[in-house]
């Protein structure tokens, strides 16, 4: 992977885990069945690797993502090992 592309992409997507997941998923798409199922969204690929193509697509805005809204999870109260109302036993 080109370090300059990684640096530029990390300025767009601040979370490194999300960046890695996006790039790896796109690389898998580009490499699936020899690239017959998914073509690069770039006009000129040159001698770029699949990872560089994915990073360039991300930088040029040809690929995007939506972060889901975080919803806090709560646990039902299990005091005295009683089930909360509405829970049925199976």
PDB file of N, CA and C in Angstrom:
ATOM      1  N   UNK A   1       0.840  -1.183   0.000  1.00  0.00           N
ATOM      2  CA  UNK A   1       0.000   0.000   0.000  1.00  0.00           C
ATOM      3  C   UNK A   1       0.879   1.239   0.000  1.00  0.00           C
ATOM      4  N   UNK A   2       0.412   2.231  -0.660  1.00  0.00           N
ATOM      5  CA  UNK A   2       1.109   3.503  -0.739  1.00  0.00           C
ATOM      6  C   UNK A   2       0.862   4.278   0.554  1.00  0.00           C
ATOM      7  N   UNK A   3       1.938   4.657   1.243  1.00  0.00           N
ATOM      8  CA  UNK A   3       1.822   5.340   2.536  1.00  0.00           C
ATOM      9  C   UNK A   3       1.149   6.703   2.398  1.00  0.00           C
ATOM     10  N   UNK A   4       1.386   7.384   1.294  1.00  0.00           N
ATOM     11  CA  UNK A   4       0.765   8.697   1.091  1.00  0.00           C
ATOM     12  C   UNK A   4      -0.755   8.554   0.957  1.00  0.00           C
ATOM     13  N   UNK A   5      -1.206   7.494   0.260  1.00  0.00           N
ATOM     14  CA  UNK A   5      -2.646   7.264   0.122  1.00  0.00           C
ATOM     15  C   UNK A   5      -3.280   6.923   1.469  1.00  0.00           C
ATOM     16  N   UNK A   6      -2.569   6.117   2.261  1.00  0.00           N
ATOM     17  CA  UNK A   6      -3.092   5.752   3.587  1.00  0.00           C
ATOM     18  C   UNK A   6      -3.222   6.997   4.455  1.00  0.00           C
ATOM     19  N   UNK A   7      -2.220   7.868   4.419  1.00  0.00           N
ATOM     20  CA  UNK A   7      -2.259   9.088   5.227  1.00  0.00           C
ATOM     21  C   UNK A   7      -3.407   9.989   4.804  1.00  0.00           C
ATOM     22  N   UNK A   8      -3.585  10.148   3.493  1.00  0.00           N
ATOM     23  CA  UNK A   8      -4.666  11.007   2.998  1.00  0.00           C
ATOM     24  C   UNK A   8      -6.030  10.415   3.344  1.00  0.00           C
ATOM     25  N   UNK A   9      -6.172   9.110   3.217  1.00  0.00           N
ATOM     26  CA  UNK A   9      -7.449   8.458   3.541  1.00  0.00           C
ATOM     27  C   UNK A   9      -7.739   8.539   5.035  1.00  0.00           C
ATOM     28  N   UNK A  10      -6.694   8.477   5.864  1.00  0.00           N
ATOM     29  CA  UNK A  10      -6.914   8.554   7.307  1.00  0.00           C
ATOM     30  C   UNK A  10      -7.333   9.950   7.754  1.00  0.00           C
ATOM     31  N   UNK A  11      -7.110  10.957   6.920  1.00  0.00           N
ATOM     32  CA  UNK A  11      -7.620  12.296   7.204  1.00  0.00           C
ATOM     33  C   UNK A  11      -9.111  12.388   6.906  1.00  0.00           C
ATOM     34  N   UNK A  12      -9.578  11.555   6.001  1.00  0.00           N
ATOM     35  CA  UNK A  12     -11.002  11.532   5.640  1.00  0.00           C
ATOM     36  C   UNK A  12     -11.782  10.674   6.631  1.00  0.00           C
ATOM     37  N   UNK A  13     -11.268   9.495   6.917  1.00  0.00           N
ATOM     38  CA  UNK A  13     -11.904   8.582   7.864  1.00  0.00           C
ATOM     39  C   UNK A  13     -11.007   8.516   9.093  1.00  0.00           C
ATOM     40  N   UNK A  14     -11.473   9.109  10.167  1.00  0.00           N
ATOM     41  CA  UNK A  14     -10.635   9.289  11.347  1.00  0.00           C
ATOM     42  C   UNK A  14     -10.423   8.007  12.151  1.00  0.00           C
ATOM     43  N   UNK A  15     -11.368   7.099  12.104  1.00  0.00           N
ATOM     44  CA  UNK A  15     -11.264   5.864  12.862  1.00  0.00           C
ATOM     45  C   UNK A  15     -10.470   4.842  12.057  1.00  0.00           C
ATOM     46  N   UNK A  16      -9.266   4.451  12.538  1.00  0.00           N
ATOM     47  CA  UNK A  16      -8.450   3.516  11.753  1.00  0.00           C
ATOM     48  C   UNK A  16      -9.108   2.158  11.555  1.00  0.00           C
ATOM     49  N   UNK A  17      -9.904   1.709  12.504  1.00  0.00           N
ATOM     50  CA  UNK A  17     -10.580   0.416  12.350  1.00  0.00           C
ATOM     51  C   UNK A  17     -11.582   0.457  11.208  1.00  0.00           C
ATOM     52  N   UNK A  18     -12.311   1.545  11.100  1.00  0.00           N
ATOM     53  CA  UNK A  18     -13.282   1.698  10.015  1.00  0.00           C
ATOM     54  C   UNK A  18     -12.559   1.766   8.678  1.00  0.00           C
ATOM     55  N   UNK A  19     -11.451   2.484   8.641  1.00  0.00           N
ATOM     56  CA  UNK A  19     -10.671   2.590   7.408  1.00  0.00           C
ATOM     57  C   UNK A  19     -10.169   1.222   6.954  1.00  0.00           C
ATOM     58  N   UNK A  20      -9.629   0.454   7.869  1.00  0.00           N
ATOM     59  CA  UNK A  20      -9.129  -0.881   7.533  1.00  0.00           C
ATOM     60  C   UNK A  20     -10.263  -1.768   7.031  1.00  0.00           C
ATOM     61  N   UNK A  21     -11.408  -1.710   7.688  1.00  0.00           N
ATOM     62  CA  UNK A  21     -12.542  -2.539   7.270  1.00  0.00           C
ATOM     63  C   UNK A  21     -13.054  -2.140   5.890  1.00  0.00           C
ATOM     64  N   UNK A  22     -13.141  -0.838   5.621  1.00  0.00           N
ATOM     65  CA  UNK A  22     -13.601  -0.386   4.307  1.00  0.00           C
ATOM     66  C   UNK A  22     -12.644  -0.828   3.203  1.00  0.00           C
ATOM     67  N   UNK A  23     -11.364  -0.600   3.424  1.00  0.00           N
ATOM     68  CA  UNK A  23     -10.380  -0.944   2.393  1.00  0.00           C
ATOM     69  C   UNK A  23     -10.331  -2.457   2.177  1.00  0.00           C
ATOM     70  N   UNK A  24     -10.334  -3.227   3.261  1.00  0.00           N
ATOM     71  CA  UNK A  24     -10.245  -4.681   3.096  1.00  0.00           C
ATOM     72  C   UNK A  24     -11.480  -5.243   2.412  1.00  0.00           C
ATOM     73  N   UNK A  25     -12.648  -4.694   2.715  1.00  0.00           N
ATOM     74  CA  UNK A  25     -13.870  -5.172   2.048  1.00  0.00           C
ATOM     75  C   UNK A  25     -13.829  -4.851   0.553  1.00  0.00           C
ATOM     76  N   UNK A  26     -13.356  -3.639   0.229  1.00  0.00           N
ATOM     77  CA  UNK A  26     -13.281  -3.256  -1.186  1.00  0.00           C
ATOM     78  C   UNK A  26     -12.232  -4.082  -1.923  1.00  0.00           C
ATOM     79  N   UNK A  27     -11.114  -4.383  -1.279  1.00  0.00           N
ATOM     80  CA  UNK A  27     -10.081  -5.221  -1.895  1.00  0.00           C
ATOM     81  C   UNK A  27     -10.637  -6.611  -2.182  1.00  0.00           C
ATOM     82  N   UNK A  28     -11.402  -7.158  -1.235  1.00  0.00           N
ATOM     83  CA  UNK A  28     -12.024  -8.471  -1.473  1.00  0.00           C
ATOM     84  C   UNK A  28     -12.974  -8.415  -2.657  1.00  0.00           C
ATOM     85  N   UNK A  29     -13.728  -7.302  -2.778  1.00  0.00           N
ATOM     86  CA  UNK A  29     -14.632  -7.163  -3.921  1.00  0.00           C
ATOM     87  C   UNK A  29     -13.848  -7.107  -5.234  1.00  0.00           C
ATOM     88  N   UNK A  30     -12.769  -6.342  -5.235  1.00  0.00           N
ATOM     89  CA  UNK A  30     -11.983  -6.198  -6.462  1.00  0.00           C
ATOM     90  C   UNK A  30     -11.292  -7.502  -6.855  1.00  0.00           C
ATOM     91  N   UNK A  31     -10.900  -8.295  -5.881  1.00  0.00           N
ATOM     92  CA  UNK A  31     -10.174  -9.541  -6.160  1.00  0.00           C
ATOM     93  C   UNK A  31     -11.083 -10.750  -6.333  1.00  0.00           C
ATOM     94  N   UNK A  32     -12.353 -10.622  -6.049  1.00  0.00           N
ATOM     95  CA  UNK A  32     -13.273 -11.758  -6.133  1.00  0.00           C
ATOM     96  C   UNK A  32     -13.361 -12.249  -7.575  1.00  0.00           C
ATOM     97  N   UNK A  33     -13.136 -13.524  -7.749  1.00  0.00           N
ATOM     98  CA  UNK A  33     -13.215 -14.188  -9.052  1.00  0.00           C
ATOM     99  C   UNK A  33     -12.384 -13.473 -10.107  1.00  0.00           C
ATOM    100  N   UNK A  34     -11.199 -13.068  -9.739  1.00  0.00           N
ATOM    101  CA  UNK A  34     -10.302 -12.429 -10.697  1.00  0.00           C
ATOM    102  C   UNK A  34     -10.729 -11.036 -11.110  1.00  0.00           C
ATOM    103  N   UNK A  35     -11.598 -10.408 -10.335  1.00  0.00           N
ATOM    104  CA  UNK A  35     -12.044  -9.053 -10.647  1.00  0.00           C
ATOM    105  C   UNK A  35     -13.167  -8.986 -11.656  1.00  0.00           C
ATOM    106  N   UNK A  36     -13.779 -10.125 -11.963  1.00  0.00           N
ATOM    107  CA  UNK A  36     -14.852 -10.126 -12.956  1.00  0.00           C
ATOM    108  C   UNK A  36     -16.149  -9.558 -12.406  1.00  0.00           C
ATOM    109  N   UNK A  37     -16.375  -9.675 -11.103  1.00  0.00           N
ATOM    110  CA  UNK A  37     -17.639  -9.225 -10.531  1.00  0.00           C
ATOM    111  C   UNK A  37     -17.669  -7.735 -10.222  1.00  0.00           C
ATOM    112  N   UNK A  38     -16.531  -7.155  -9.890  1.00  0.00           N
ATOM    113  CA  UNK A  38     -16.493  -5.759  -9.492  1.00  0.00           C
ATOM    114  C   UNK A  38     -15.332  -5.072 -10.185  1.00  0.00           C
ATOM    115  N   UNK A  39     -15.622  -3.988 -10.882  1.00  0.00           N
ATOM    116  CA  UNK A  39     -14.581  -3.252 -11.569  1.00  0.00           C
ATOM    117  C   UNK A  39     -14.236  -1.998 -10.776  1.00  0.00           C
ATOM    118  N   UNK A  40     -13.028  -1.531 -10.952  1.00  0.00           N
ATOM    119  CA  UNK A  40     -12.578  -0.324 -10.267  1.00  0.00           C
ATOM    120  C   UNK A  40     -13.400   0.876 -10.735  1.00  0.00           C
ATOM    121  N   UNK A  41     -13.623   1.804  -9.828  1.00  0.00           N
ATOM    122  CA  UNK A  41     -14.392   3.002 -10.134  1.00  0.00           C
ATOM    123  C   UNK A  41     -13.493   4.132 -10.629  1.00  0.00           C
ATOM    124  N   UNK A  42     -12.243   3.832 -10.932  1.00  0.00           N
ATOM    125  CA  UNK A  42     -11.280   4.827 -11.393  1.00  0.00           C
ATOM    126  C   UNK A  42     -11.187   4.787 -12.910  1.00  0.00           C
ATOM    127  N   UNK A  43     -10.976   5.961 -13.512  1.00  0.00           N
ATOM    128  CA  UNK A  43     -10.829   6.026 -14.959  1.00  0.00           C
ATOM    129  C   UNK A  43      -9.495   5.419 -15.391  1.00  0.00           C
ATOM    130  N   UNK A  44      -8.422   5.712 -14.657  1.00  0.00           N
ATOM    131  CA  UNK A  44      -7.104   5.205 -15.011  1.00  0.00           C
ATOM    132  C   UNK A  44      -6.511   4.487 -13.805  1.00  0.00           C
ATOM    133  N   UNK A  45      -6.426   3.158 -13.877  1.00  0.00           N
ATOM    134  CA  UNK A  45      -5.902   2.374 -12.760  1.00  0.00           C
ATOM    135  C   UNK A  45      -4.387   2.317 -12.774  1.00  0.00           C
ATOM    136  N   UNK A  46      -3.786   2.419 -13.926  1.00  0.00           N
ATOM    137  CA  UNK A  46      -2.336   2.331 -14.024  1.00  0.00           C
ATOM    138  C   UNK A  46      -1.848   1.001 -13.467  1.00  0.00           C
ATOM    139  N   UNK A  47      -0.779   1.034 -12.691  1.00  0.00           N
ATOM    140  CA  UNK A  47      -0.228  -0.169 -12.078  1.00  0.00           C
ATOM    141  C   UNK A  47      -0.536  -0.209 -10.586  1.00  0.00           C
ATOM    142  N   UNK A  48      -1.699   0.260 -10.202  1.00  0.00           N
ATOM    143  CA  UNK A  48      -2.071   0.295  -8.788  1.00  0.00           C
ATOM    144  C   UNK A  48      -2.504  -1.086  -8.311  1.00  0.00           C
ATOM    145  N   UNK A  49      -2.166  -1.398  -7.070  1.00  0.00           N
ATOM    146  CA  UNK A  49      -2.648  -2.641  -6.459  1.00  0.00           C
ATOM    147  C   UNK A  49      -4.104  -2.466  -6.061  1.00  0.00           C
ATOM    148  N   UNK A  50      -4.745  -3.551  -5.687  1.00  0.00           N
ATOM    149  CA  UNK A  50      -6.155  -3.479  -5.283  1.00  0.00           C
ATOM    150  C   UNK A  50      -6.336  -2.588  -4.060  1.00  0.00           C
ATOM    151  N   UNK A  51      -5.391  -2.632  -3.116  1.00  0.00           N
ATOM    152  CA  UNK A  51      -5.482  -1.783  -1.925  1.00  0.00           C
ATOM    153  C   UNK A  51      -5.339  -0.311  -2.297  1.00  0.00           C
ATOM    154  N   UNK A  52      -4.425   0.008  -3.213  1.00  0.00           N
ATOM    155  CA  UNK A  52      -4.260   1.392  -3.648  1.00  0.00           C
ATOM    156  C   UNK A  52      -5.479   1.887  -4.415  1.00  0.00           C
ATOM    157  N   UNK A  53      -6.092   1.004  -5.180  1.00  0.00           N
ATOM    158  CA  UNK A  53      -7.316   1.365  -5.896  1.00  0.00           C
ATOM    159  C   UNK A  53      -8.421   1.684  -4.888  1.00  0.00           C
ATOM    160  N   UNK A  54      -8.570   0.846  -3.870  1.00  0.00           N
ATOM    161  CA  UNK A  54      -9.596   1.071  -2.854  1.00  0.00           C
ATOM    162  C   UNK A  54      -9.349   2.391  -2.124  1.00  0.00           C
ATOM    163  N   UNK A  55      -8.103   2.659  -1.761  1.00  0.00           N
ATOM    164  CA  UNK A  55      -7.789   3.917  -1.075  1.00  0.00           C
ATOM    165  C   UNK A  55      -8.066   5.124  -1.974  1.00  0.00           C
ATOM    166  N   UNK A  56      -7.700   5.037  -3.243  1.00  0.00           N
ATOM    167  CA  UNK A  56      -7.925   6.136  -4.175  1.00  0.00           C
ATOM    168  C   UNK A  56      -9.420   6.376  -4.385  1.00  0.00           C
ATOM    169  N   UNK A  57     -10.198   5.300  -4.482  1.00  0.00           N
ATOM    170  CA  UNK A  57     -11.657   5.458  -4.603  1.00  0.00           C
ATOM    171  C   UNK A  57     -12.222   6.168  -3.385  1.00  0.00           C
ATOM    172  N   UNK A  58     -11.720   5.834  -2.229  1.00  0.00           N
ATOM    173  CA  UNK A  58     -12.173   6.466  -0.996  1.00  0.00           C
ATOM    174  C   UNK A  58     -11.798   7.946  -0.971  1.00  0.00           C
ATOM    175  N   UNK A  59     -10.566   8.257  -1.345  1.00  0.00           N
ATOM    176  CA  UNK A  59     -10.086   9.641  -1.345  1.00  0.00           C
ATOM    177  C   UNK A  59     -10.861  10.491  -2.344  1.00  0.00           C
ATOM    178  N   UNK A  60     -11.156   9.940  -3.519  1.00  0.00           N
ATOM    179  CA  UNK A  60     -11.865  10.687  -4.555  1.00  0.00           C
ATOM    180  C   UNK A  60     -13.366  10.764  -4.320  1.00  0.00           C
ATOM    181  N   UNK A  61     -13.851  10.154  -3.247  1.00  0.00           N
ATOM    182  CA  UNK A  61     -15.276  10.235  -2.919  1.00  0.00           C
ATOM    183  C   UNK A  61     -16.149   9.292  -3.713  1.00  0.00           C
ATOM    184  N   UNK A  62     -15.565   8.305  -4.349  1.00  0.00           N
ATOM    185  CA  UNK A  62     -16.343   7.338  -5.120  1.00  0.00           C
ATOM    186  C   UNK A  62     -16.872   6.216  -4.240  1.00  0.00           C
ATOM    187  N   UNK A  63     -16.424   6.202  -3.010  1.00  0.00           N
ATOM    188  CA  UNK A  63     -16.860   5.197  -2.046  1.00  0.00           C
ATOM    189  C   UNK A  63     -17.102   5.926  -0.736  1.00  0.00           C
ATOM    190  N   UNK A  64     -18.174   5.594  -0.051  1.00  0.00           N
ATOM    191  CA  UNK A  64     -18.474   6.250   1.215  1.00  0.00           C
ATOM    192  C   UNK A  64     -19.075   5.237   2.180  1.00  0.00           C
ATOM    193  N   UNK A  65     -19.396   5.687   3.366  1.00  0.00           N
ATOM    194  CA  UNK A  65     -19.987   4.819   4.372  1.00  0.00           C
ATOM    195  C   UNK A  65     -20.850   5.660   5.298  1.00  0.00           C
ATOM    196  N   UNK A  66     -21.733   4.996   6.004  1.00  0.00           N
ATOM    197  CA  UNK A  66     -22.575   5.632   7.020  1.00  0.00           C
ATOM    198  C   UNK A  66     -22.320   4.952   8.345  1.00  0.00           C
ATOM    199  N   UNK A  67     -22.053   5.745   9.365  1.00  0.00           N
ATOM    200  CA  UNK A  67     -21.884   5.196  10.704  1.00  0.00           C
ATOM    201  C   UNK A  67     -23.262   5.092  11.344  1.00  0.00           C
ATOM    202  N   UNK A  68     -23.612   3.934  11.880  1.00  0.00           N
ATOM    203  CA  UNK A  68     -24.914   3.804  12.536  1.00  0.00           C
ATOM    204  C   UNK A  68     -24.935   4.602  13.833  1.00  0.00           C
ATOM    205  N   UNK A  69     -26.126   5.001  14.207  1.00  0.00           N
ATOM    206  CA  UNK A  69     -26.296   5.723  15.462  1.00  0.00           C
ATOM    207  C   UNK A  69     -26.077   4.757  16.618  1.00  0.00           C
ATOM    208  N   UNK A  70     -25.301   5.169  17.592  1.00  0.00           N
ATOM    209  CA  UNK A  70     -25.048   4.313  18.743  1.00  0.00           C
ATOM    210  C   UNK A  70     -26.228   4.379  19.703  1.00  0.00           C
ATOM    211  N   UNK A  71     -26.728   3.228  20.059  1.00  0.00           N
ATOM    212  CA  UNK A  71     -27.861   3.130  20.977  1.00  0.00           C
ATOM    213  C   UNK A  71     -27.368   2.465  22.247  1.00  0.00           C
ATOM    214  N   UNK A  72     -27.516   3.127  23.382  1.00  0.00           N
ATOM    215  CA  UNK A  72     -27.059   2.496  24.622  1.00  0.00           C
ATOM    216  C   UNK A  72     -27.907   1.271  24.956  1.00  0.00           C
ATOM    217  N   UNK A  73     -27.249   0.203  25.323  1.00  0.00           N
ATOM    218  CA  UNK A  73     -27.948  -1.026  25.673  1.00  0.00           C
ATOM    219  C   UNK A  73     -28.165  -1.070  27.176  1.00  0.00           C
ATOM    220  N   UNK A  74     -29.307  -1.556  27.570  1.00  0.00           N
ATOM    221  CA  UNK A  74     -29.596  -1.700  28.994  1.00  0.00           C
ATOM    222  C   UNK A  74     -29.937  -3.153  29.264  1.00  0.00           C
ATOM    223  N   UNK A  75     -29.594  -3.592  30.435  1.00  0.00           N
ATOM    224  CA  UNK A  75     -29.915  -4.957  30.840  1.00  0.00           C
ATOM    225  C   UNK A  75     -31.172  -4.940  31.690  1.00  0.00           C
ATOM    226  N   UNK A  76     -31.996  -5.951  31.525  1.00  0.00           N
ATOM    227  CA  UNK A  76     -33.159  -6.031  32.406  1.00  0.00           C
ATOM    228  C   UNK A  76     -32.699  -6.334  33.829  1.00  0.00           C
ATOM    229  N   UNK A  77     -33.474  -5.893  34.756  1.00  0.00           N
ATOM    230  CA  UNK A  77     -33.157  -6.102  36.165  1.00  0.00           C
ATOM    231  C   UNK A  77     -33.427  -7.558  36.521  1.00  0.00           C
ATOM    232  N   UNK A  78     -32.411  -8.267  36.997  1.00  0.00           N
ATOM    233  CA  UNK A  78     -32.560  -9.682  37.305  1.00  0.00           C
ATOM    234  C   UNK A  78     -32.410  -9.978  38.780  1.00  0.00           C
ATOM    235  N   UNK A  79     -32.833  -9.052  39.626  1.00  0.00           N
ATOM    236  CA  UNK A  79     -32.710  -9.275  41.063  1.00  0.00           C
ATOM    237  C   UNK A  79     -33.525 -10.492  41.477  1.00  0.00           C
ATOM    238  N   UNK A  80     -32.995 -11.233  42.411  1.00  0.00           N
ATOM    239  CA  UNK A  80     -33.662 -12.415  42.966  1.00  0.00           C
ATOM    240  C   UNK A  80     -34.014 -13.446  41.899  1.00  0.00           C
ATOM    241  N   UNK A  81     -33.323 -13.413  40.801  1.00  0.00           N
ATOM    242  CA  UNK A  81     -33.494 -14.366  39.698  1.00  0.00           C
ATOM    243  C   UNK A  81     -34.926 -14.426  39.188  1.00  0.00           C
ATOM    244  N   UNK A  82     -35.646 -13.324  39.292  1.00  0.00           N
ATOM    245  CA  UNK A  82     -36.983 -13.238  38.716  1.00  0.00           C
ATOM    246  C   UNK A  82     -36.863 -12.645  37.318  1.00  0.00           C
ATOM    247  N   UNK A  83     -37.672 -13.145  36.426  1.00  0.00           N
ATOM    248  CA  UNK A  83     -37.664 -12.603  35.070  1.00  0.00           C
ATOM    249  C   UNK A  83     -38.498 -11.324  35.035  1.00  0.00           C
ATOM    250  N   UNK A  84     -38.066 -10.348  34.232  1.00  0.00           N
ATOM    251  CA  UNK A  84     -38.866  -9.135  34.096  1.00  0.00           C
ATOM    252  C   UNK A  84     -40.228  -9.444  33.489  1.00  0.00           C
ATOM    253  N   UNK A  85     -41.194  -8.571  33.728  1.00  0.00           N
ATOM    254  CA  UNK A  85     -42.540  -8.771  33.177  1.00  0.00           C
ATOM    255  C   UNK A  85     -42.459  -8.851  31.666  1.00  0.00           C
ATOM    256  N   UNK A  86     -43.223  -9.723  31.095  1.00  0.00           N
ATOM    257  CA  UNK A  86     -43.277  -9.885  29.664  1.00  0.00           C
ATOM    258  C   UNK A  86     -42.345 -10.970  29.146  1.00  0.00           C
ATOM    259  N   UNK A  87     -41.408 -11.414  29.950  1.00  0.00           N
ATOM    260  CA  UNK A  87     -40.512 -12.489  29.525  1.00  0.00           C
ATOM    261  C   UNK A  87     -41.208 -13.814  29.774  1.00  0.00           C
ATOM    262  N   UNK A  88     -41.118 -14.677  28.812  1.00  0.00           N
ATOM    263  CA  UNK A  88     -41.739 -15.997  28.973  1.00  0.00           C
ATOM    264  C   UNK A  88     -40.651 -17.039  29.119  1.00  0.00           C
ATOM    265  N   UNK A  89     -41.004 -18.147  29.736  1.00  0.00           N
ATOM    266  CA  UNK A  89     -40.061 -19.243  29.868  1.00  0.00           C
ATOM    267  C   UNK A  89     -40.258 -20.183  28.698  1.00  0.00           C
ATOM    268  N   UNK A  90     -39.147 -20.752  28.255  1.00  0.00           N
ATOM    269  CA  UNK A  90     -39.270 -21.682  27.106  1.00  0.00           C
ATOM    270  C   UNK A  90     -38.939 -23.079  27.521  1.00  0.00           C
TER     271      UNK A  90
END
